[in-house]
Amino acid sequence: MILLDTNVLLWLFMGNEKLSPNIQHRIEEDPANYFVSIVSLWEIATKRVIGKLELRMDMPKAVYDAGFSKLSLEYAHIYQYEQLPLIHRDPFDRMLIAQALSENISMISGDEFLGDYGAKIIAS
């Protein structure tokens, strides 16, 4: 199982060329092998509400319909989050990293700095 970063999820649904065709093909071929965190859906909703993201689709429904696996927020993720150094202050990115570390899974992201936390990051 692999966790998708919020940016990768958005690129996938919006057709952004920042997502490599190889990664896109692998995700579309077996979406159930990829986690979408509830944290990403929360981040997208937050950005929509404050006007930083214009998105006309129902993202939770799109994720569900695509067949992705859902990664809920668990106590262990909160504990891991508290242990992370302040390399980056974005709480959504930090929680996604905490989830990846806690679950011992890789994460696909376009943010190279996330590897500084010790998580295995697969470049998008």
PDB file of N, CA and C in Angstrom:
ATOM      1  N   MET A   1       0.833  -1.183   0.000  1.00  0.00           N
ATOM      2  CA  MET A   1       0.000   0.000   0.000  1.00  0.00           C
ATOM      3  C   MET A   1       0.886   1.257   0.000  1.00  0.00           C
ATOM      4  N   ILE A   2       0.419   2.267  -0.690  1.00  0.00           N
ATOM      5  CA  ILE A   2       1.149   3.515  -0.825  1.00  0.00           C
ATOM      6  C   ILE A   2       0.179   4.666  -0.589  1.00  0.00           C
ATOM      7  N   LEU A   3       0.630   5.666   0.140  1.00  0.00           N
ATOM      8  CA  LEU A   3      -0.182   6.843   0.440  1.00  0.00           C
ATOM      9  C   LEU A   3       0.029   7.914  -0.631  1.00  0.00           C
ATOM     10  N   LEU A   4      -1.062   8.485  -1.118  1.00  0.00           N
ATOM     11  CA  LEU A   4      -0.973   9.590  -2.070  1.00  0.00           C
ATOM     12  C   LEU A   4      -0.979  10.910  -1.320  1.00  0.00           C
ATOM     13  N   ASP A   5      -0.027  11.767  -1.629  1.00  0.00           N
ATOM     14  CA  ASP A   5      -0.030  13.121  -1.081  1.00  0.00           C
ATOM     15  C   ASP A   5      -1.193  13.881  -1.721  1.00  0.00           C
ATOM     16  N   THR A   6      -1.653  14.899  -1.050  1.00  0.00           N
ATOM     17  CA  THR A   6      -2.776  15.698  -1.551  1.00  0.00           C
ATOM     18  C   THR A   6      -2.484  16.265  -2.931  1.00  0.00           C
ATOM     19  N   ASN A   7      -1.258  16.742  -3.153  1.00  0.00           N
ATOM     20  CA  ASN A   7      -0.939  17.319  -4.469  1.00  0.00           C
ATOM     21  C   ASN A   7      -1.054  16.268  -5.570  1.00  0.00           C
ATOM     22  N   VAL A   8      -0.639  15.053  -5.291  1.00  0.00           N
ATOM     23  CA  VAL A   8      -0.719  13.973  -6.278  1.00  0.00           C
ATOM     24  C   VAL A   8      -2.182  13.631  -6.572  1.00  0.00           C
ATOM     25  N   LEU A   9      -2.992  13.591  -5.535  1.00  0.00           N
ATOM     26  CA  LEU A   9      -4.420  13.318  -5.708  1.00  0.00           C
ATOM     27  C   LEU A   9      -5.064  14.374  -6.605  1.00  0.00           C
ATOM     28  N   LEU A  10      -4.762  15.623  -6.349  1.00  0.00           N
ATOM     29  CA  LEU A  10      -5.316  16.704  -7.171  1.00  0.00           C
ATOM     30  C   LEU A  10      -4.810  16.622  -8.608  1.00  0.00           C
ATOM     31  N   TRP A  11      -3.517  16.373  -8.785  1.00  0.00           N
ATOM     32  CA  TRP A  11      -2.963  16.268 -10.132  1.00  0.00           C
ATOM     33  C   TRP A  11      -3.615  15.128 -10.898  1.00  0.00           C
ATOM     34  N   LEU A  12      -3.879  14.035 -10.213  1.00  0.00           N
ATOM     35  CA  LEU A  12      -4.490  12.870 -10.846  1.00  0.00           C
ATOM     36  C   LEU A  12      -5.878  13.216 -11.390  1.00  0.00           C
ATOM     37  N   PHE A  13      -6.688  13.873 -10.579  1.00  0.00           N
ATOM     38  CA  PHE A  13      -8.050  14.183 -10.987  1.00  0.00           C
ATOM     39  C   PHE A  13      -8.146  15.396 -11.900  1.00  0.00           C
ATOM     40  N   MET A  14      -7.156  16.284 -11.831  1.00  0.00           N
ATOM     41  CA  MET A  14      -7.212  17.502 -12.634  1.00  0.00           C
ATOM     42  C   MET A  14      -6.365  17.414 -13.902  1.00  0.00           C
ATOM     43  N   GLY A  15      -5.658  16.303 -14.083  1.00  0.00           N
ATOM     44  CA  GLY A  15      -4.877  16.113 -15.295  1.00  0.00           C
ATOM     45  C   GLY A  15      -3.635  16.977 -15.398  1.00  0.00           C
ATOM     46  N   ASN A  16      -2.959  17.200 -14.292  1.00  0.00           N
ATOM     47  CA  ASN A  16      -1.768  18.045 -14.285  1.00  0.00           C
ATOM     48  C   ASN A  16      -0.546  17.262 -14.756  1.00  0.00           C
ATOM     49  N   GLU A  17       0.260  17.872 -15.638  1.00  0.00           N
ATOM     50  CA  GLU A  17       1.455  17.202 -16.169  1.00  0.00           C
ATOM     51  C   GLU A  17       2.565  17.031 -15.137  1.00  0.00           C
ATOM     52  N   LYS A  18       2.399  17.584 -13.941  1.00  0.00           N
ATOM     53  CA  LYS A  18       3.393  17.375 -12.885  1.00  0.00           C
ATOM     54  C   LYS A  18       3.399  15.921 -12.421  1.00  0.00           C
ATOM     55  N   LEU A  19       2.327  15.214 -12.688  1.00  0.00           N
ATOM     56  CA  LEU A  19       2.259  13.790 -12.356  1.00  0.00           C
ATOM     57  C   LEU A  19       2.779  12.989 -13.534  1.00  0.00           C
ATOM     58  N   SER A  20       3.816  12.210 -13.301  1.00  0.00           N
ATOM     59  CA  SER A  20       4.419  11.451 -14.404  1.00  0.00           C
ATOM     60  C   SER A  20       3.422  10.439 -14.960  1.00  0.00           C
ATOM     61  N   PRO A  21       3.458  10.225 -16.263  1.00  0.00           N
ATOM     62  CA  PRO A  21       2.547   9.250 -16.876  1.00  0.00           C
ATOM     63  C   PRO A  21       2.701   7.849 -16.270  1.00  0.00           C
ATOM     64  N   ASN A  22       3.928   7.480 -15.903  1.00  0.00           N
ATOM     65  CA  ASN A  22       4.163   6.171 -15.303  1.00  0.00           C
ATOM     66  C   ASN A  22       3.446   6.036 -13.962  1.00  0.00           C
ATOM     67  N   ILE A  23       3.586   7.044 -13.111  1.00  0.00           N
ATOM     68  CA  ILE A  23       2.927   7.022 -11.801  1.00  0.00           C
ATOM     69  C   ILE A  23       1.412   7.041 -11.997  1.00  0.00           C
ATOM     70  N   GLN A  24       0.925   7.884 -12.880  1.00  0.00           N
ATOM     71  CA  GLN A  24      -0.515   7.958 -13.132  1.00  0.00           C
ATOM     72  C   GLN A  24      -1.046   6.603 -13.585  1.00  0.00           C
ATOM     73  N   HIS A  25      -0.347   5.954 -14.494  1.00  0.00           N
ATOM     74  CA  HIS A  25      -0.770   4.640 -14.989  1.00  0.00           C
ATOM     75  C   HIS A  25      -0.803   3.613 -13.855  1.00  0.00           C
ATOM     76  N   ARG A  26       0.234   3.600 -13.018  1.00  0.00           N
ATOM     77  CA  ARG A  26       0.288   2.643 -11.904  1.00  0.00           C
ATOM     78  C   ARG A  26      -0.876   2.854 -10.941  1.00  0.00           C
ATOM     79  N   ILE A  27      -1.202   4.101 -10.655  1.00  0.00           N
ATOM     80  CA  ILE A  27      -2.312   4.398  -9.746  1.00  0.00           C
ATOM     81  C   ILE A  27      -3.638   3.975 -10.365  1.00  0.00           C
ATOM     82  N   GLU A  28      -3.853   4.344 -11.614  1.00  0.00           N
ATOM     83  CA  GLU A  28      -5.123   4.032 -12.276  1.00  0.00           C
ATOM     84  C   GLU A  28      -5.296   2.538 -12.496  1.00  0.00           C
ATOM     85  N   GLU A  29      -4.198   1.815 -12.622  1.00  0.00           N
ATOM     86  CA  GLU A  29      -4.245   0.375 -12.849  1.00  0.00           C
ATOM     87  C   GLU A  29      -4.746  -0.390 -11.620  1.00  0.00           C
ATOM     88  N   ASP A  30      -4.423   0.102 -10.426  1.00  0.00           N
ATOM     89  CA  ASP A  30      -4.803  -0.595  -9.193  1.00  0.00           C
ATOM     90  C   ASP A  30      -5.062   0.396  -8.066  1.00  0.00           C
ATOM     91  N   PRO A  31      -6.131   1.191  -8.147  1.00  0.00           N
ATOM     92  CA  PRO A  31      -6.372   2.228  -7.141  1.00  0.00           C
ATOM     93  C   PRO A  31      -6.532   1.687  -5.720  1.00  0.00           C
ATOM     94  N   ALA A  32      -6.997   0.474  -5.569  1.00  0.00           N
ATOM     95  CA  ALA A  32      -7.187  -0.098  -4.228  1.00  0.00           C
ATOM     96  C   ALA A  32      -5.858  -0.293  -3.501  1.00  0.00           C
ATOM     97  N   ASN A  33      -4.741  -0.266  -4.231  1.00  0.00           N
ATOM     98  CA  ASN A  33      -3.412  -0.411  -3.632  1.00  0.00           C
ATOM     99  C   ASN A  33      -2.882   0.930  -3.113  1.00  0.00           C
ATOM    100  N   TYR A  34      -3.675   1.987  -3.268  1.00  0.00           N
ATOM    101  CA  TYR A  34      -3.249   3.326  -2.872  1.00  0.00           C
ATOM    102  C   TYR A  34      -4.209   3.902  -1.839  1.00  0.00           C
ATOM    103  N   PHE A  35      -3.614   4.449  -0.783  1.00  0.00           N
ATOM    104  CA  PHE A  35      -4.402   5.108   0.253  1.00  0.00           C
ATOM    105  C   PHE A  35      -4.618   6.567  -0.103  1.00  0.00           C
ATOM    106  N   VAL A  36      -5.824   7.045   0.147  1.00  0.00           N
ATOM    107  CA  VAL A  36      -6.110   8.471   0.186  1.00  0.00           C
ATOM    108  C   VAL A  36      -6.496   8.738   1.634  1.00  0.00           C
ATOM    109  N   SER A  37      -5.766   9.630   2.257  1.00  0.00           N
ATOM    110  CA  SER A  37      -6.027   9.949   3.649  1.00  0.00           C
ATOM    111  C   SER A  37      -7.210  10.887   3.789  1.00  0.00           C
ATOM    112  N   ILE A  38      -7.962  10.680   4.829  1.00  0.00           N
ATOM    113  CA  ILE A  38      -9.041  11.601   5.180  1.00  0.00           C
ATOM    114  C   ILE A  38      -8.461  13.003   5.395  1.00  0.00           C
ATOM    115  N   VAL A  39      -7.188  13.067   5.754  1.00  0.00           N
ATOM    116  CA  VAL A  39      -6.493  14.345   5.954  1.00  0.00           C
ATOM    117  C   VAL A  39      -6.408  15.104   4.620  1.00  0.00           C
ATOM    118  N   SER A  40      -6.168  14.406   3.534  1.00  0.00           N
ATOM    119  CA  SER A  40      -6.121  15.065   2.216  1.00  0.00           C
ATOM    120  C   SER A  40      -7.476  15.642   1.840  1.00  0.00           C
ATOM    121  N   LEU A  41      -8.539  14.899   2.122  1.00  0.00           N
ATOM    122  CA  LEU A  41      -9.877  15.400   1.820  1.00  0.00           C
ATOM    123  C   LEU A  41     -10.198  16.627   2.673  1.00  0.00           C
ATOM    124  N   TRP A  42      -9.738  16.618   3.910  1.00  0.00           N
ATOM    125  CA  TRP A  42      -9.914  17.768   4.804  1.00  0.00           C
ATOM    126  C   TRP A  42      -9.124  18.965   4.279  1.00  0.00           C
ATOM    127  N   GLU A  43      -7.878  18.722   3.817  1.00  0.00           N
ATOM    128  CA  GLU A  43      -7.056  19.801   3.275  1.00  0.00           C
ATOM    129  C   GLU A  43      -7.709  20.418   2.037  1.00  0.00           C
ATOM    130  N   ILE A  44      -8.212  19.583   1.153  1.00  0.00           N
ATOM    131  CA  ILE A  44      -8.868  20.076  -0.057  1.00  0.00           C
ATOM    132  C   ILE A  44     -10.097  20.896   0.305  1.00  0.00           C
ATOM    133  N   ALA A  45     -10.897  20.413   1.233  1.00  0.00           N
ATOM    134  CA  ALA A  45     -12.090  21.147   1.667  1.00  0.00           C
ATOM    135  C   ALA A  45     -11.702  22.490   2.277  1.00  0.00           C
ATOM    136  N   THR A  46     -10.653  22.500   3.077  1.00  0.00           N
ATOM    137  CA  THR A  46     -10.188  23.743   3.702  1.00  0.00           C
ATOM    138  C   THR A  46      -9.757  24.751   2.649  1.00  0.00           C
ATOM    139  N   LYS A  47      -8.986  24.295   1.666  1.00  0.00           N
ATOM    140  CA  LYS A  47      -8.515  25.195   0.614  1.00  0.00           C
ATOM    141  C   LYS A  47      -9.668  25.722  -0.235  1.00  0.00           C
ATOM    142  N   ARG A  48     -10.683  24.904  -0.436  1.00  0.00           N
ATOM    143  CA  ARG A  48     -11.854  25.364  -1.189  1.00  0.00           C
ATOM    144  C   ARG A  48     -12.591  26.454  -0.410  1.00  0.00           C
ATOM    145  N   VAL A  49     -12.781  26.224   0.875  1.00  0.00           N
ATOM    146  CA  VAL A  49     -13.531  27.168   1.715  1.00  0.00           C
ATOM    147  C   VAL A  49     -12.842  28.529   1.795  1.00  0.00           C
ATOM    148  N   ILE A  50     -11.503  28.527   1.895  1.00  0.00           N
ATOM    149  CA  ILE A  50     -10.794  29.806   2.026  1.00  0.00           C
ATOM    150  C   ILE A  50     -10.440  30.431   0.676  1.00  0.00           C
ATOM    151  N   GLY A  51     -10.831  29.775  -0.405  1.00  0.00           N
ATOM    152  CA  GLY A  51     -10.637  30.340  -1.740  1.00  0.00           C
ATOM    153  C   GLY A  51      -9.285  30.077  -2.371  1.00  0.00           C
ATOM    154  N   LYS A  52      -8.496  29.151  -1.832  1.00  0.00           N
ATOM    155  CA  LYS A  52      -7.184  28.840  -2.415  1.00  0.00           C
ATOM    156  C   LYS A  52      -7.253  27.745  -3.472  1.00  0.00           C
ATOM    157  N   LEU A  53      -8.418  27.121  -3.610  1.00  0.00           N
ATOM    158  CA  LEU A  53      -8.567  26.038  -4.583  1.00  0.00           C
ATOM    159  C   LEU A  53      -9.960  26.109  -5.188  1.00  0.00           C
ATOM    160  N   GLU A  54      -9.981  26.192  -6.504  1.00  0.00           N
ATOM    161  CA  GLU A  54     -11.248  26.157  -7.210  1.00  0.00           C
ATOM    162  C   GLU A  54     -11.397  24.761  -7.813  1.00  0.00           C
ATOM    163  N   LEU A  55     -12.339  24.034  -7.282  1.00  0.00           N
ATOM    164  CA  LEU A  55     -12.535  22.648  -7.697  1.00  0.00           C
ATOM    165  C   LEU A  55     -14.031  22.391  -7.754  1.00  0.00           C
ATOM    166  N   ARG A  56     -14.505  21.973  -8.895  1.00  0.00           N
ATOM    167  CA  ARG A  56     -15.939  21.797  -9.084  1.00  0.00           C
ATOM    168  C   ARG A  56     -16.422  20.375  -8.794  1.00  0.00           C
ATOM    169  N   MET A  57     -15.518  19.455  -8.540  1.00  0.00           N
ATOM    170  CA  MET A  57     -15.943  18.074  -8.312  1.00  0.00           C
ATOM    171  C   MET A  57     -16.134  17.780  -6.828  1.00  0.00           C
ATOM    172  N   ASP A  58     -16.932  16.771  -6.555  1.00  0.00           N
ATOM    173  CA  ASP A  58     -17.138  16.263  -5.206  1.00  0.00           C
ATOM    174  C   ASP A  58     -15.983  15.301  -4.935  1.00  0.00           C
ATOM    175  N   MET A  59     -14.923  15.804  -4.305  1.00  0.00           N
ATOM    176  CA  MET A  59     -13.705  15.009  -4.153  1.00  0.00           C
ATOM    177  C   MET A  59     -13.912  13.734  -3.329  1.00  0.00           C
ATOM    178  N   PRO A  60     -14.607  13.778  -2.184  1.00  0.00           N
ATOM    179  CA  PRO A  60     -14.812  12.514  -1.468  1.00  0.00           C
ATOM    180  C   PRO A  60     -15.518  11.456  -2.326  1.00  0.00           C
ATOM    181  N   LYS A  61     -16.510  11.871  -3.086  1.00  0.00           N
ATOM    182  CA  LYS A  61     -17.220  10.928  -3.961  1.00  0.00           C
ATOM    183  C   LYS A  61     -16.304  10.426  -5.075  1.00  0.00           C
ATOM    184  N   ALA A  62     -15.523  11.323  -5.650  1.00  0.00           N
ATOM    185  CA  ALA A  62     -14.608  10.929  -6.726  1.00  0.00           C
ATOM    186  C   ALA A  62     -13.586   9.907  -6.231  1.00  0.00           C
ATOM    187  N   VAL A  63     -13.076  10.126  -5.029  1.00  0.00           N
ATOM    188  CA  VAL A  63     -12.104   9.192  -4.441  1.00  0.00           C
ATOM    189  C   VAL A  63     -12.757   7.837  -4.195  1.00  0.00           C
ATOM    190  N   TYR A  64     -13.949   7.865  -3.634  1.00  0.00           N
ATOM    191  CA  TYR A  64     -14.683   6.624  -3.367  1.00  0.00           C
ATOM    192  C   TYR A  64     -14.982   5.886  -4.676  1.00  0.00           C
ATOM    193  N   ASP A  65     -15.522   6.608  -5.657  1.00  0.00           N
ATOM    194  CA  ASP A  65     -15.891   6.002  -6.940  1.00  0.00           C
ATOM    195  C   ASP A  65     -14.683   5.435  -7.681  1.00  0.00           C
ATOM    196  N   ALA A  66     -13.514   6.058  -7.500  1.00  0.00           N
ATOM    197  CA  ALA A  66     -12.298   5.584  -8.175  1.00  0.00           C
ATOM    198  C   ALA A  66     -11.770   4.288  -7.565  1.00  0.00           C
ATOM    199  N   GLY A  67     -12.194   3.972  -6.346  1.00  0.00           N
ATOM    200  CA  GLY A  67     -11.783   2.713  -5.731  1.00  0.00           C
ATOM    201  C   GLY A  67     -10.556   2.779  -4.854  1.00  0.00           C
ATOM    202  N   PHE A  68     -10.158   3.984  -4.434  1.00  0.00           N
ATOM    203  CA  PHE A  68      -9.006   4.114  -3.551  1.00  0.00           C
ATOM    204  C   PHE A  68      -9.326   3.555  -2.169  1.00  0.00           C
ATOM    205  N   SER A  69      -8.293   3.151  -1.469  1.00  0.00           N
ATOM    206  CA  SER A  69      -8.434   2.738  -0.075  1.00  0.00           C
ATOM    207  C   SER A  69      -8.384   3.987   0.792  1.00  0.00           C
ATOM    208  N   LYS A  70      -9.213   4.000   1.832  1.00  0.00           N
ATOM    209  CA  LYS A  70      -9.281   5.162   2.719  1.00  0.00           C
ATOM    210  C   LYS A  70      -8.358   4.946   3.911  1.00  0.00           C
ATOM    211  N   LEU A  71      -7.604   5.978   4.245  1.00  0.00           N
ATOM    212  CA  LEU A  71      -6.776   5.953   5.453  1.00  0.00           C
ATOM    213  C   LEU A  71      -7.373   6.944   6.436  1.00  0.00           C
ATOM    214  N   SER A  72      -7.954   6.400   7.506  1.00  0.00           N
ATOM    215  CA  SER A  72      -8.563   7.232   8.540  1.00  0.00           C
ATOM    216  C   SER A  72      -7.490   7.798   9.451  1.00  0.00           C
ATOM    217  N   LEU A  73      -7.882   8.715  10.285  1.00  0.00           N
ATOM    218  CA  LEU A  73      -6.974   9.311  11.257  1.00  0.00           C
ATOM    219  C   LEU A  73      -7.091   8.522  12.556  1.00  0.00           C
ATOM    220  N   GLU A  74      -5.957   8.027  13.043  1.00  0.00           N
ATOM    221  CA  GLU A  74      -5.927   7.166  14.225  1.00  0.00           C
ATOM    222  C   GLU A  74      -5.097   7.818  15.331  1.00  0.00           C
ATOM    223  N   TYR A  75      -5.286   7.341  16.553  1.00  0.00           N
ATOM    224  CA  TYR A  75      -4.511   7.853  17.690  1.00  0.00           C
ATOM    225  C   TYR A  75      -3.015   7.752  17.437  1.00  0.00           C
ATOM    226  N   ALA A  76      -2.574   6.630  16.872  1.00  0.00           N
ATOM    227  CA  ALA A  76      -1.142   6.435  16.613  1.00  0.00           C
ATOM    228  C   ALA A  76      -0.591   7.522  15.701  1.00  0.00           C
ATOM    229  N   HIS A  77      -1.405   8.002  14.783  1.00  0.00           N
ATOM    230  CA  HIS A  77      -0.970   9.058  13.867  1.00  0.00           C
ATOM    231  C   HIS A  77      -0.757  10.370  14.619  1.00  0.00           C
ATOM    232  N   ILE A  78      -1.631  10.632  15.578  1.00  0.00           N
ATOM    233  CA  ILE A  78      -1.500  11.850  16.394  1.00  0.00           C
ATOM    234  C   ILE A  78      -0.215  11.789  17.220  1.00  0.00           C
ATOM    235  N   TYR A  79       0.042  10.648  17.826  1.00  0.00           N
ATOM    236  CA  TYR A  79       1.267  10.491  18.626  1.00  0.00           C
ATOM    237  C   TYR A  79       2.512  10.662  17.758  1.00  0.00           C
ATOM    238  N   GLN A  80       2.488  10.086  16.558  1.00  0.00           N
ATOM    239  CA  GLN A  80       3.617  10.224  15.630  1.00  0.00           C
ATOM    240  C   GLN A  80       3.793  11.682  15.217  1.00  0.00           C
ATOM    241  N   TYR A  81       2.682  12.366  14.964  1.00  0.00           N
ATOM    242  CA  TYR A  81       2.692  13.778  14.577  1.00  0.00           C
ATOM    243  C   TYR A  81       3.409  14.619  15.632  1.00  0.00           C
ATOM    244  N   GLU A  82       3.131  14.357  16.890  1.00  0.00           N
ATOM    245  CA  GLU A  82       3.748  15.121  17.978  1.00  0.00           C
ATOM    246  C   GLU A  82       5.255  14.920  18.057  1.00  0.00           C
ATOM    247  N   GLN A  83       5.738  13.805  17.547  1.00  0.00           N
ATOM    248  CA  GLN A  83       7.171  13.487  17.607  1.00  0.00           C
ATOM    249  C   GLN A  83       7.963  14.063  16.437  1.00  0.00           C
ATOM    250  N   LEU A  84       7.280  14.550  15.419  1.00  0.00           N
ATOM    251  CA  LEU A  84       7.988  15.040  14.234  1.00  0.00           C
ATOM    252  C   LEU A  84       8.718  16.352  14.520  1.00  0.00           C
ATOM    253  N   PRO A  85       9.935  16.484  13.986  1.00  0.00           N
ATOM    254  CA  PRO A  85      10.625  17.771  14.101  1.00  0.00           C
ATOM    255  C   PRO A  85       9.911  18.810  13.234  1.00  0.00           C
ATOM    256  N   LEU A  86      10.122  20.067  13.545  1.00  0.00           N
ATOM    257  CA  LEU A  86       9.459  21.143  12.806  1.00  0.00           C
ATOM    258  C   LEU A  86      10.235  21.515  11.535  1.00  0.00           C
ATOM    259  N   ILE A  87      10.421  20.543  10.670  1.00  0.00           N
ATOM    260  CA  ILE A  87      11.073  20.783   9.383  1.00  0.00           C
ATOM    261  C   ILE A  87      10.165  21.636   8.506  1.00  0.00           C
ATOM    262  N   HIS A  88       8.897  21.361   8.604  1.00  0.00           N
ATOM    263  CA  HIS A  88       7.894  22.064   7.796  1.00  0.00           C
ATOM    264  C   HIS A  88       6.690  22.314   8.695  1.00  0.00           C
ATOM    265  N   ARG A  89       6.051  23.454   8.550  1.00  0.00           N
ATOM    266  CA  ARG A  89       4.970  23.821   9.470  1.00  0.00           C
ATOM    267  C   ARG A  89       3.566  23.544   8.943  1.00  0.00           C
ATOM    268  N   ASP A  90       3.436  23.074   7.728  1.00  0.00           N
ATOM    269  CA  ASP A  90       2.105  22.788   7.191  1.00  0.00           C
ATOM    270  C   ASP A  90       1.517  21.582   7.933  1.00  0.00           C
ATOM    271  N   PRO A  91       0.434  21.785   8.687  1.00  0.00           N
ATOM    272  CA  PRO A  91      -0.102  20.687   9.503  1.00  0.00           C
ATOM    273  C   PRO A  91      -0.632  19.523   8.671  1.00  0.00           C
ATOM    274  N   PHE A  92      -1.130  19.781   7.474  1.00  0.00           N
ATOM    275  CA  PHE A  92      -1.628  18.700   6.635  1.00  0.00           C
ATOM    276  C   PHE A  92      -0.480  17.810   6.153  1.00  0.00           C
ATOM    277  N   ASP A  93       0.598  18.431   5.652  1.00  0.00           N
ATOM    278  CA  ASP A  93       1.767  17.659   5.221  1.00  0.00           C
ATOM    279  C   ASP A  93       2.355  16.871   6.381  1.00  0.00           C
ATOM    280  N   ARG A  94       2.442  17.507   7.533  1.00  0.00           N
ATOM    281  CA  ARG A  94       3.004  16.838   8.704  1.00  0.00           C
ATOM    282  C   ARG A  94       2.148  15.631   9.124  1.00  0.00           C
ATOM    283  N   MET A  95       0.842  15.768   9.042  1.00  0.00           N
ATOM    284  CA  MET A  95      -0.016  14.650   9.424  1.00  0.00           C
ATOM    285  C   MET A  95       0.074  13.522   8.407  1.00  0.00           C
ATOM    286  N   LEU A  96       0.166  13.849   7.121  1.00  0.00           N
ATOM    287  CA  LEU A  96       0.332  12.806   6.109  1.00  0.00           C
ATOM    288  C   LEU A  96       1.646  12.049   6.336  1.00  0.00           C
ATOM    289  N   ILE A  97       2.708  12.774   6.657  1.00  0.00           N
ATOM    290  CA  ILE A  97       3.987  12.127   6.959  1.00  0.00           C
ATOM    291  C   ILE A  97       3.845  11.259   8.196  1.00  0.00           C
ATOM    292  N   ALA A  98       3.171  11.767   9.229  1.00  0.00           N
ATOM    293  CA  ALA A  98       2.959  10.988  10.453  1.00  0.00           C
ATOM    294  C   ALA A  98       2.202   9.695  10.135  1.00  0.00           C
ATOM    295  N   GLN A  99       1.228   9.776   9.261  1.00  0.00           N
ATOM    296  CA  GLN A  99       0.487   8.573   8.878  1.00  0.00           C
ATOM    297  C   GLN A  99       1.389   7.586   8.133  1.00  0.00           C
ATOM    298  N   ALA A 100       2.172   8.086   7.192  1.00  0.00           N
ATOM    299  CA  ALA A 100       3.072   7.206   6.436  1.00  0.00           C
ATOM    300  C   ALA A 100       4.076   6.524   7.357  1.00  0.00           C
ATOM    301  N   LEU A 101       4.657   7.290   8.270  1.00  0.00           N
ATOM    302  CA  LEU A 101       5.625   6.717   9.204  1.00  0.00           C
ATOM    303  C   LEU A 101       4.967   5.715  10.147  1.00  0.00           C
ATOM    304  N   SER A 102       3.828   6.086  10.673  1.00  0.00           N
ATOM    305  CA  SER A 102       3.120   5.237  11.623  1.00  0.00           C
ATOM    306  C   SER A 102       2.672   3.920  10.981  1.00  0.00           C
ATOM    307  N   GLU A 103       2.237   3.999   9.732  1.00  0.00           N
ATOM    308  CA  GLU A 103       1.762   2.811   9.014  1.00  0.00           C
ATOM    309  C   GLU A 103       2.894   2.070   8.292  1.00  0.00           C
ATOM    310  N   ASN A 104       4.101   2.664   8.324  1.00  0.00           N
ATOM    311  CA  ASN A 104       5.274   2.095   7.649  1.00  0.00           C
ATOM    312  C   ASN A 104       5.000   1.860   6.154  1.00  0.00           C
ATOM    313  N   ILE A 105       4.494   2.914   5.509  1.00  0.00           N
ATOM    314  CA  ILE A 105       4.199   2.847   4.084  1.00  0.00           C
ATOM    315  C   ILE A 105       4.905   3.990   3.355  1.00  0.00           C
ATOM    316  N   SER A 106       5.080   3.813   2.067  1.00  0.00           N
ATOM    317  CA  SER A 106       5.664   4.857   1.226  1.00  0.00           C
ATOM    318  C   SER A 106       4.589   5.871   0.861  1.00  0.00           C
ATOM    319  N   MET A 107       5.060   7.024   0.383  1.00  0.00           N
ATOM    320  CA  MET A 107       4.150   8.100  -0.007  1.00  0.00           C
ATOM    321  C   MET A 107       4.604   8.669  -1.347  1.00  0.00           C
ATOM    322  N   ILE A 108       3.651   8.862  -2.258  1.00  0.00           N
ATOM    323  CA  ILE A 108       3.955   9.524  -3.525  1.00  0.00           C
ATOM    324  C   ILE A 108       3.683  11.004  -3.345  1.00  0.00           C
ATOM    325  N   SER A 109       4.685  11.833  -3.647  1.00  0.00           N
ATOM    326  CA  SER A 109       4.551  13.265  -3.456  1.00  0.00           C
ATOM    327  C   SER A 109       5.419  14.034  -4.439  1.00  0.00           C
ATOM    328  N   GLY A 110       5.022  15.259  -4.683  1.00  0.00           N
ATOM    329  CA  GLY A 110       5.831  16.178  -5.461  1.00  0.00           C
ATOM    330  C   GLY A 110       6.690  17.053  -4.561  1.00  0.00           C
ATOM    331  N   ASP A 111       6.534  16.902  -3.245  1.00  0.00           N
ATOM    332  CA  ASP A 111       7.291  17.704  -2.273  1.00  0.00           C
ATOM    333  C   ASP A 111       8.511  16.935  -1.798  1.00  0.00           C
ATOM    334  N   GLU A 112       9.666  17.285  -2.331  1.00  0.00           N
ATOM    335  CA  GLU A 112      10.901  16.561  -2.022  1.00  0.00           C
ATOM    336  C   GLU A 112      11.307  16.664  -0.558  1.00  0.00           C
ATOM    337  N   PHE A 113      11.010  17.777   0.099  1.00  0.00           N
ATOM    338  CA  PHE A 113      11.426  17.976   1.481  1.00  0.00           C
ATOM    339  C   PHE A 113      10.787  16.974   2.444  1.00  0.00           C
ATOM    340  N   LEU A 114       9.692  16.346   2.052  1.00  0.00           N
ATOM    341  CA  LEU A 114       9.025  15.409   2.954  1.00  0.00           C
ATOM    342  C   LEU A 114       9.915  14.226   3.302  1.00  0.00           C
ATOM    343  N   GLY A 115      10.872  13.910   2.453  1.00  0.00           N
ATOM    344  CA  GLY A 115      11.826  12.840   2.744  1.00  0.00           C
ATOM    345  C   GLY A 115      12.714  13.162   3.925  1.00  0.00           C
ATOM    346  N   ASP A 116      12.836  14.444   4.266  1.00  0.00           N
ATOM    347  CA  ASP A 116      13.643  14.841   5.414  1.00  0.00           C
ATOM    348  C   ASP A 116      13.102  14.306   6.733  1.00  0.00           C
ATOM    349  N   TYR A 117      11.855  13.863   6.722  1.00  0.00           N
ATOM    350  CA  TYR A 117      11.253  13.289   7.927  1.00  0.00           C
ATOM    351  C   TYR A 117      11.595  11.814   8.110  1.00  0.00           C
ATOM    352  N   GLY A 118      12.230  11.216   7.132  1.00  0.00           N
ATOM    353  CA  GLY A 118      12.600   9.820   7.239  1.00  0.00           C
ATOM    354  C   GLY A 118      11.600   8.870   6.595  1.00  0.00           C
ATOM    355  N   ALA A 119      10.550   9.419   6.018  1.00  0.00           N
ATOM    356  CA  ALA A 119       9.571   8.579   5.308  1.00  0.00           C
ATOM    357  C   ALA A 119      10.110   8.270   3.913  1.00  0.00           C
ATOM    358  N   LYS A 120       9.678   7.149   3.369  1.00  0.00           N
ATOM    359  CA  LYS A 120      10.069   6.816   2.000  1.00  0.00           C
ATOM    360  C   LYS A 120       9.139   7.559   1.054  1.00  0.00           C
ATOM    361  N   ILE A 121       9.708   8.487   0.275  1.00  0.00           N
ATOM    362  CA  ILE A 121       8.941   9.309  -0.658  1.00  0.00           C
ATOM    363  C   ILE A 121       9.242   8.852  -2.083  1.00  0.00           C
ATOM    364  N   ILE A 122       8.192   8.584  -2.822  1.00  0.00           N
ATOM    365  CA  ILE A 122       8.308   8.243  -4.235  1.00  0.00           C
ATOM    366  C   ILE A 122       7.986   9.513  -5.014  1.00  0.00           C
ATOM    367  N   ALA A 123       8.909   9.942  -5.843  1.00  0.00           N
ATOM    368  CA  ALA A 123       8.716  11.176  -6.630  1.00  0.00           C
ATOM    369  C   ALA A 123       7.558  10.983  -7.597  1.00  0.00           C
ATOM    370  N   SER A 124       6.737  12.032  -7.679  1.00  0.00           N
ATOM    371  CA  SER A 124       5.572  11.967  -8.550  1.00  0.00           C
ATOM    372  C   SER A 124       5.961  12.204  -9.999  1.00  0.00           C
TER     373      SER A 124
END
